[in-house]
Amino acid sequence: MDDIDLDELAASLTLREENQAIKSYQNTVAVSCPACDLQFDDLVVCKENPTSLNLSQQLDLCVGSADGQAVIFTHKK
């Protein structure tokens, strides 16, 4: 996986939630996941270390880092 340009990626996505721990975006324009090249559903940027995520559904995840932050690409099953 190449380095993730988080600013460029986020510019193509729709911001859905931001709080002290995370920032989440919805992929509304069919951007491909930099890890697996499949379309992803959401991008979660972990702003705190450690960060806990409470998932309400079963998801496949691809993980990377950008600017020292963990980034998670979700793929709904």
PDB file of N, CA and C in Angstrom:
ATOM      1  N   MET A   1       0.850  -1.169   0.000  1.00  0.00           N
ATOM      2  CA  MET A   1       0.000   0.000   0.000  1.00  0.00           C
ATOM      3  C   MET A   1       0.895   1.230   0.000  1.00  0.00           C
ATOM      4  N   ASP A   2       0.631   2.180  -0.886  1.00  0.00           N
ATOM      5  CA  ASP A   2       1.344   3.446  -0.891  1.00  0.00           C
ATOM      6  C   ASP A   2       0.882   4.286   0.295  1.00  0.00           C
ATOM      7  N   ASP A   3       1.655   5.335   0.587  1.00  0.00           N
ATOM      8  CA  ASP A   3       1.228   6.251   1.634  1.00  0.00           C
ATOM      9  C   ASP A   3      -0.144   6.827   1.288  1.00  0.00           C
ATOM     10  N   ILE A   4      -0.978   6.979   2.289  1.00  0.00           N
ATOM     11  CA  ILE A   4      -2.327   7.498   2.098  1.00  0.00           C
ATOM     12  C   ILE A   4      -2.280   9.010   2.240  1.00  0.00           C
ATOM     13  N   ASP A   5      -2.758   9.726   1.242  1.00  0.00           N
ATOM     14  CA  ASP A   5      -2.887  11.180   1.320  1.00  0.00           C
ATOM     15  C   ASP A   5      -4.271  11.462   1.888  1.00  0.00           C
ATOM     16  N   LEU A   6      -4.329  11.627   3.197  1.00  0.00           N
ATOM     17  CA  LEU A   6      -5.602  11.751   3.886  1.00  0.00           C
ATOM     18  C   LEU A   6      -6.381  12.989   3.446  1.00  0.00           C
ATOM     19  N   ASP A   7      -5.704  14.102   3.239  1.00  0.00           N
ATOM     20  CA  ASP A   7      -6.398  15.324   2.805  1.00  0.00           C
ATOM     21  C   ASP A   7      -7.049  15.132   1.442  1.00  0.00           C
ATOM     22  N   GLU A   8      -6.315  14.526   0.520  1.00  0.00           N
ATOM     23  CA  GLU A   8      -6.862  14.283  -0.827  1.00  0.00           C
ATOM     24  C   GLU A   8      -8.027  13.308  -0.772  1.00  0.00           C
ATOM     25  N   LEU A   9      -7.872  12.256   0.004  1.00  0.00           N
ATOM     26  CA  LEU A   9      -8.928  11.255   0.131  1.00  0.00           C
ATOM     27  C   LEU A   9     -10.177  11.858   0.769  1.00  0.00           C
ATOM     28  N   ALA A  10     -10.007  12.580   1.865  1.00  0.00           N
ATOM     29  CA  ALA A  10     -11.151  13.164   2.584  1.00  0.00           C
ATOM     30  C   ALA A  10     -11.890  14.180   1.726  1.00  0.00           C
ATOM     31  N   ALA A  11     -11.198  14.840   0.825  1.00  0.00           N
ATOM     32  CA  ALA A  11     -11.838  15.832  -0.050  1.00  0.00           C
ATOM     33  C   ALA A  11     -12.874  15.190  -0.963  1.00  0.00           C
ATOM     34  N   SER A  12     -12.757  13.886  -1.213  1.00  0.00           N
ATOM     35  CA  SER A  12     -13.695  13.178  -2.084  1.00  0.00           C
ATOM     36  C   SER A  12     -14.842  12.530  -1.315  1.00  0.00           C
ATOM     37  N   LEU A  13     -14.801  12.589   0.014  1.00  0.00           N
ATOM     38  CA  LEU A  13     -15.770  11.892   0.850  1.00  0.00           C
ATOM     39  C   LEU A  13     -16.688  12.878   1.568  1.00  0.00           C
ATOM     40  N   THR A  14     -17.754  12.347   2.181  1.00  0.00           N
ATOM     41  CA  THR A  14     -18.708  13.163   2.916  1.00  0.00           C
ATOM     42  C   THR A  14     -18.487  12.975   4.420  1.00  0.00           C
ATOM     43  N   LEU A  15     -18.161  14.049   5.129  1.00  0.00           N
ATOM     44  CA  LEU A  15     -17.961  13.987   6.577  1.00  0.00           C
ATOM     45  C   LEU A  15     -19.280  13.625   7.251  1.00  0.00           C
ATOM     46  N   ARG A  16     -19.269  12.607   8.110  1.00  0.00           N
ATOM     47  CA  ARG A  16     -20.486  12.165   8.796  1.00  0.00           C
ATOM     48  C   ARG A  16     -20.438  12.437  10.295  1.00  0.00           C
ATOM     49  N   GLU A  17     -19.264  12.304  10.909  1.00  0.00           N
ATOM     50  CA  GLU A  17     -19.164  12.476  12.359  1.00  0.00           C
ATOM     51  C   GLU A  17     -17.751  12.910  12.707  1.00  0.00           C
ATOM     52  N   GLU A  18     -17.662  13.807  13.676  1.00  0.00           N
ATOM     53  CA  GLU A  18     -16.355  14.162  14.216  1.00  0.00           C
ATOM     54  C   GLU A  18     -16.521  14.422  15.701  1.00  0.00           C
ATOM     55  N   ASN A  19     -15.672  13.777  16.488  1.00  0.00           N
ATOM     56  CA  ASN A  19     -15.637  14.030  17.918  1.00  0.00           C
ATOM     57  C   ASN A  19     -14.170  13.980  18.355  1.00  0.00           C
ATOM     58  N   GLN A  20     -13.947  13.963  19.640  1.00  0.00           N
ATOM     59  CA  GLN A  20     -12.578  14.008  20.156  1.00  0.00           C
ATOM     60  C   GLN A  20     -11.760  12.788  19.739  1.00  0.00           C
ATOM     61  N   ALA A  21     -12.388  11.638  19.572  1.00  0.00           N
ATOM     62  CA  ALA A  21     -11.667  10.394  19.312  1.00  0.00           C
ATOM     63  C   ALA A  21     -11.556  10.016  17.841  1.00  0.00           C
ATOM     64  N   ILE A  22     -12.608  10.305  17.059  1.00  0.00           N
ATOM     65  CA  ILE A  22     -12.618   9.871  15.653  1.00  0.00           C
ATOM     66  C   ILE A  22     -13.174  10.935  14.729  1.00  0.00           C
ATOM     67  N   LYS A  23     -12.921  10.726  13.465  1.00  0.00           N
ATOM     68  CA  LYS A  23     -13.559  11.492  12.392  1.00  0.00           C
ATOM     69  C   LYS A  23     -13.988  10.441  11.382  1.00  0.00           C
ATOM     70  N   SER A  24     -15.258  10.428  10.970  1.00  0.00           N
ATOM     71  CA  SER A  24     -15.713   9.419  10.019  1.00  0.00           C
ATOM     72  C   SER A  24     -16.323  10.072   8.790  1.00  0.00           C
ATOM     73  N   TYR A  25     -16.062   9.425   7.670  1.00  0.00           N
ATOM     74  CA  TYR A  25     -16.520   9.896   6.364  1.00  0.00           C
ATOM     75  C   TYR A  25     -17.264   8.775   5.666  1.00  0.00           C
ATOM     76  N   GLN A  26     -18.277   9.125   4.877  1.00  0.00           N
ATOM     77  CA  GLN A  26     -18.989   8.163   4.044  1.00  0.00           C
ATOM     78  C   GLN A  26     -18.493   8.305   2.611  1.00  0.00           C
ATOM     79  N   ASN A  27     -18.278   7.172   1.972  1.00  0.00           N
ATOM     80  CA  ASN A  27     -17.822   7.142   0.588  1.00  0.00           C
ATOM     81  C   ASN A  27     -19.054   7.189  -0.314  1.00  0.00           C
ATOM     82  N   THR A  28     -19.409   8.384  -0.760  1.00  0.00           N
ATOM     83  CA  THR A  28     -20.609   8.563  -1.584  1.00  0.00           C
ATOM     84  C   THR A  28     -20.296   8.634  -3.075  1.00  0.00           C
ATOM     85  N   VAL A  29     -19.002   8.539  -3.444  1.00  0.00           N
ATOM     86  CA  VAL A  29     -18.619   8.674  -4.852  1.00  0.00           C
ATOM     87  C   VAL A  29     -17.825   7.476  -5.367  1.00  0.00           C
ATOM     88  N   ALA A  30     -17.901   6.352  -4.685  1.00  0.00           N
ATOM     89  CA  ALA A  30     -17.297   5.087  -5.132  1.00  0.00           C
ATOM     90  C   ALA A  30     -15.775   5.134  -5.239  1.00  0.00           C
ATOM     91  N   VAL A  31     -15.111   5.741  -4.258  1.00  0.00           N
ATOM     92  CA  VAL A  31     -13.648   5.749  -4.199  1.00  0.00           C
ATOM     93  C   VAL A  31     -13.172   4.340  -3.853  1.00  0.00           C
ATOM     94  N   SER A  32     -12.074   3.911  -4.439  1.00  0.00           N
ATOM     95  CA  SER A  32     -11.505   2.591  -4.159  1.00  0.00           C
ATOM     96  C   SER A  32     -10.646   2.622  -2.906  1.00  0.00           C
ATOM     97  N   CYS A  33     -10.672   1.544  -2.162  1.00  0.00           N
ATOM     98  CA  CYS A  33      -9.855   1.369  -0.966  1.00  0.00           C
ATOM     99  C   CYS A  33      -8.385   1.257  -1.380  1.00  0.00           C
ATOM    100  N   PRO A  34      -7.493   2.015  -0.754  1.00  0.00           N
ATOM    101  CA  PRO A  34      -6.080   1.923  -1.124  1.00  0.00           C
ATOM    102  C   PRO A  34      -5.434   0.586  -0.743  1.00  0.00           C
ATOM    103  N   ALA A  35      -6.067  -0.173   0.142  1.00  0.00           N
ATOM    104  CA  ALA A  35      -5.509  -1.457   0.562  1.00  0.00           C
ATOM    105  C   ALA A  35      -5.902  -2.597  -0.371  1.00  0.00           C
ATOM    106  N   CYS A  36      -7.197  -2.653  -0.751  1.00  0.00           N
ATOM    107  CA  CYS A  36      -7.672  -3.807  -1.516  1.00  0.00           C
ATOM    108  C   CYS A  36      -8.226  -3.446  -2.892  1.00  0.00           C
ATOM    109  N   ASP A  37      -8.302  -2.175  -3.217  1.00  0.00           N
ATOM    110  CA  ASP A  37      -8.802  -1.671  -4.500  1.00  0.00           C
ATOM    111  C   ASP A  37     -10.294  -1.887  -4.731  1.00  0.00           C
ATOM    112  N   LEU A  38     -11.029  -2.323  -3.716  1.00  0.00           N
ATOM    113  CA  LEU A  38     -12.486  -2.425  -3.815  1.00  0.00           C
ATOM    114  C   LEU A  38     -13.104  -1.163  -3.250  1.00  0.00           C
ATOM    115  N   GLN A  39     -14.322  -0.843  -3.672  1.00  0.00           N
ATOM    116  CA  GLN A  39     -15.010   0.317  -3.120  1.00  0.00           C
ATOM    117  C   GLN A  39     -15.233   0.093  -1.628  1.00  0.00           C
ATOM    118  N   PHE A  40     -14.960   1.103  -0.810  1.00  0.00           N
ATOM    119  CA  PHE A  40     -15.224   0.996   0.628  1.00  0.00           C
ATOM    120  C   PHE A  40     -16.456   1.825   0.972  1.00  0.00           C
ATOM    121  N   ASP A  41     -17.029   1.561   2.150  1.00  0.00           N
ATOM    122  CA  ASP A  41     -18.241   2.270   2.563  1.00  0.00           C
ATOM    123  C   ASP A  41     -17.933   3.500   3.405  1.00  0.00           C
ATOM    124  N   ASP A  42     -17.068   3.347   4.394  1.00  0.00           N
ATOM    125  CA  ASP A  42     -16.752   4.445   5.293  1.00  0.00           C
ATOM    126  C   ASP A  42     -15.260   4.472   5.583  1.00  0.00           C
ATOM    127  N   LEU A  43     -14.769   5.654   5.920  1.00  0.00           N
ATOM    128  CA  LEU A  43     -13.402   5.846   6.374  1.00  0.00           C
ATOM    129  C   LEU A  43     -13.479   6.379   7.790  1.00  0.00           C
ATOM    130  N   VAL A  44     -12.766   5.736   8.701  1.00  0.00           N
ATOM    131  CA  VAL A  44     -12.701   6.187  10.088  1.00  0.00           C
ATOM    132  C   VAL A  44     -11.257   6.565  10.376  1.00  0.00           C
ATOM    133  N   VAL A  45     -11.044   7.793  10.828  1.00  0.00           N
ATOM    134  CA  VAL A  45      -9.722   8.271  11.208  1.00  0.00           C
ATOM    135  C   VAL A  45      -9.684   8.320  12.732  1.00  0.00           C
ATOM    136  N   CYS A  46      -8.755   7.584  13.331  1.00  0.00           N
ATOM    137  CA  CYS A  46      -8.612   7.557  14.785  1.00  0.00           C
ATOM    138  C   CYS A  46      -7.728   8.717  15.220  1.00  0.00           C
ATOM    139  N   LYS A  47      -8.299   9.658  15.961  1.00  0.00           N
ATOM    140  CA  LYS A  47      -7.576  10.854  16.358  1.00  0.00           C
ATOM    141  C   LYS A  47      -6.871  10.689  17.699  1.00  0.00           C
ATOM    142  N   GLU A  48      -7.324   9.737  18.521  1.00  0.00           N
ATOM    143  CA  GLU A  48      -6.707   9.484  19.822  1.00  0.00           C
ATOM    144  C   GLU A  48      -6.071   8.110  19.828  1.00  0.00           C
ATOM    145  N   ASN A  49      -5.071   7.938  20.638  1.00  0.00           N
ATOM    146  CA  ASN A  49      -4.408   6.651  20.793  1.00  0.00           C
ATOM    147  C   ASN A  49      -4.385   6.304  22.277  1.00  0.00           C
ATOM    148  N   PRO A  50      -5.051   5.246  22.696  1.00  0.00           N
ATOM    149  CA  PRO A  50      -5.869   4.322  21.919  1.00  0.00           C
ATOM    150  C   PRO A  50      -7.278   4.864  21.702  1.00  0.00           C
ATOM    151  N   THR A  51      -7.962   4.275  20.752  1.00  0.00           N
ATOM    152  CA  THR A  51      -9.345   4.622  20.438  1.00  0.00           C
ATOM    153  C   THR A  51     -10.168   3.347  20.405  1.00  0.00           C
ATOM    154  N   SER A  52     -11.360   3.401  20.976  1.00  0.00           N
ATOM    155  CA  SER A  52     -12.267   2.254  20.978  1.00  0.00           C
ATOM    156  C   SER A  52     -13.385   2.526  19.977  1.00  0.00           C
ATOM    157  N   LEU A  53     -13.696   1.520  19.176  1.00  0.00           N
ATOM    158  CA  LEU A  53     -14.788   1.629  18.213  1.00  0.00           C
ATOM    159  C   LEU A  53     -15.874   0.633  18.589  1.00  0.00           C
ATOM    160  N   ASN A  54     -17.104   1.095  18.598  1.00  0.00           N
ATOM    161  CA  ASN A  54     -18.247   0.223  18.858  1.00  0.00           C
ATOM    162  C   ASN A  54     -18.970   0.022  17.535  1.00  0.00           C
ATOM    163  N   LEU A  55     -18.843  -1.170  16.987  1.00  0.00           N
ATOM    164  CA  LEU A  55     -19.421  -1.464  15.679  1.00  0.00           C
ATOM    165  C   LEU A  55     -20.818  -2.040  15.852  1.00  0.00           C
ATOM    166  N   SER A  56     -21.762  -1.491  15.099  1.00  0.00           N
ATOM    167  CA  SER A  56     -23.143  -1.947  15.200  1.00  0.00           C
ATOM    168  C   SER A  56     -23.471  -3.034  14.180  1.00  0.00           C
ATOM    169  N   GLN A  57     -22.514  -3.348  13.306  1.00  0.00           N
ATOM    170  CA  GLN A  57     -22.735  -4.385  12.301  1.00  0.00           C
ATOM    171  C   GLN A  57     -21.416  -5.069  11.979  1.00  0.00           C
ATOM    172  N   GLN A  58     -21.507  -6.230  11.378  1.00  0.00           N
ATOM    173  CA  GLN A  58     -20.315  -6.969  11.000  1.00  0.00           C
ATOM    174  C   GLN A  58     -19.731  -6.373   9.727  1.00  0.00           C
ATOM    175  N   LEU A  59     -18.429  -6.052   9.774  1.00  0.00           N
ATOM    176  CA  LEU A  59     -17.766  -5.394   8.654  1.00  0.00           C
ATOM    177  C   LEU A  59     -16.432  -6.056   8.348  1.00  0.00           C
ATOM    178  N   ASP A  60     -16.015  -5.998   7.082  1.00  0.00           N
ATOM    179  CA  ASP A  60     -14.637  -6.295   6.726  1.00  0.00           C
ATOM    180  C   ASP A  60     -13.893  -4.977   6.852  1.00  0.00           C
ATOM    181  N   LEU A  61     -12.661  -5.036   7.344  1.00  0.00           N
ATOM    182  CA  LEU A  61     -11.886  -3.831   7.568  1.00  0.00           C
ATOM    183  C   LEU A  61     -10.556  -3.896   6.851  1.00  0.00           C
ATOM    184  N   CYS A  62     -10.123  -2.777   6.295  1.00  0.00           N
ATOM    185  CA  CYS A  62      -8.764  -2.585   5.809  1.00  0.00           C
ATOM    186  C   CYS A  62      -8.184  -1.460   6.662  1.00  0.00           C
ATOM    187  N   VAL A  63      -6.932  -1.561   7.034  1.00  0.00           N
ATOM    188  CA  VAL A  63      -6.333  -0.613   7.964  1.00  0.00           C
ATOM    189  C   VAL A  63      -5.050  -0.056   7.381  1.00  0.00           C
ATOM    190  N   GLY A  64      -4.802   1.211   7.624  1.00  0.00           N
ATOM    191  CA  GLY A  64      -3.562   1.855   7.213  1.00  0.00           C
ATOM    192  C   GLY A  64      -3.252   2.982   8.168  1.00  0.00           C
ATOM    193  N   SER A  65      -2.302   3.819   7.803  1.00  0.00           N
ATOM    194  CA  SER A  65      -2.000   4.993   8.616  1.00  0.00           C
ATOM    195  C   SER A  65      -1.714   6.169   7.715  1.00  0.00           C
ATOM    196  N   ALA A  66      -1.988   7.345   8.239  1.00  0.00           N
ATOM    197  CA  ALA A  66      -1.742   8.593   7.518  1.00  0.00           C
ATOM    198  C   ALA A  66      -1.443   9.669   8.550  1.00  0.00           C
ATOM    199  N   ASP A  67      -0.363  10.349   8.362  1.00  0.00           N
ATOM    200  CA  ASP A  67       0.014  11.433   9.279  1.00  0.00           C
ATOM    201  C   ASP A  67       0.050  10.963  10.732  1.00  0.00           C
ATOM    202  N   GLY A  68       0.508   9.732  10.963  1.00  0.00           N
ATOM    203  CA  GLY A  68       0.619   9.199  12.317  1.00  0.00           C
ATOM    204  C   GLY A  68      -0.690   8.772  12.942  1.00  0.00           C
ATOM    205  N   GLN A  69      -1.776   8.738  12.165  1.00  0.00           N
ATOM    206  CA  GLN A  69      -3.081   8.327  12.680  1.00  0.00           C
ATOM    207  C   GLN A  69      -3.519   7.046  11.987  1.00  0.00           C
ATOM    208  N   ALA A  70      -4.185   6.173  12.751  1.00  0.00           N
ATOM    209  CA  ALA A  70      -4.742   4.963  12.157  1.00  0.00           C
ATOM    210  C   ALA A  70      -5.945   5.343  11.318  1.00  0.00           C
ATOM    211  N   VAL A  71      -6.063   4.743  10.142  1.00  0.00           N
ATOM    212  CA  VAL A  71      -7.229   4.943   9.288  1.00  0.00           C
ATOM    213  C   VAL A  71      -7.822   3.568   8.961  1.00  0.00           C
ATOM    214  N   ILE A  72      -9.138   3.477   9.056  1.00  0.00           N
ATOM    215  CA  ILE A  72      -9.846   2.216   8.856  1.00  0.00           C
ATOM    216  C   ILE A  72     -10.846   2.401   7.732  1.00  0.00           C
ATOM    217  N   PHE A  73     -10.787   1.504   6.750  1.00  0.00           N
ATOM    218  CA  PHE A  73     -11.725   1.495   5.645  1.00  0.00           C
ATOM    219  C   PHE A  73     -12.701   0.356   5.888  1.00  0.00           C
ATOM    220  N   THR A  74     -13.996   0.656   5.959  1.00  0.00           N
ATOM    221  CA  THR A  74     -14.984  -0.379   6.228  1.00  0.00           C
ATOM    222  C   THR A  74     -15.615  -0.860   4.926  1.00  0.00           C
ATOM    223  N   HIS A  75     -15.910  -2.159   4.905  1.00  0.00           N
ATOM    224  CA  HIS A  75     -16.593  -2.799   3.781  1.00  0.00           C
ATOM    225  C   HIS A  75     -17.755  -3.595   4.371  1.00  0.00           C
ATOM    226  N   LYS A  76     -18.968  -3.153   4.087  1.00  0.00           N
ATOM    227  CA  LYS A  76     -20.150  -3.869   4.608  1.00  0.00           C
ATOM    228  C   LYS A  76     -20.254  -5.213   3.936  1.00  0.00           C
ATOM    229  N   LYS A  77     -20.643  -6.200   4.704  1.00  0.00           N
ATOM    230  CA  LYS A  77     -20.761  -7.571   4.184  1.00  0.00           C
ATOM    231  C   LYS A  77     -22.070  -7.749   3.477  1.00  0.00           C
TER     232      LYS A  77
END
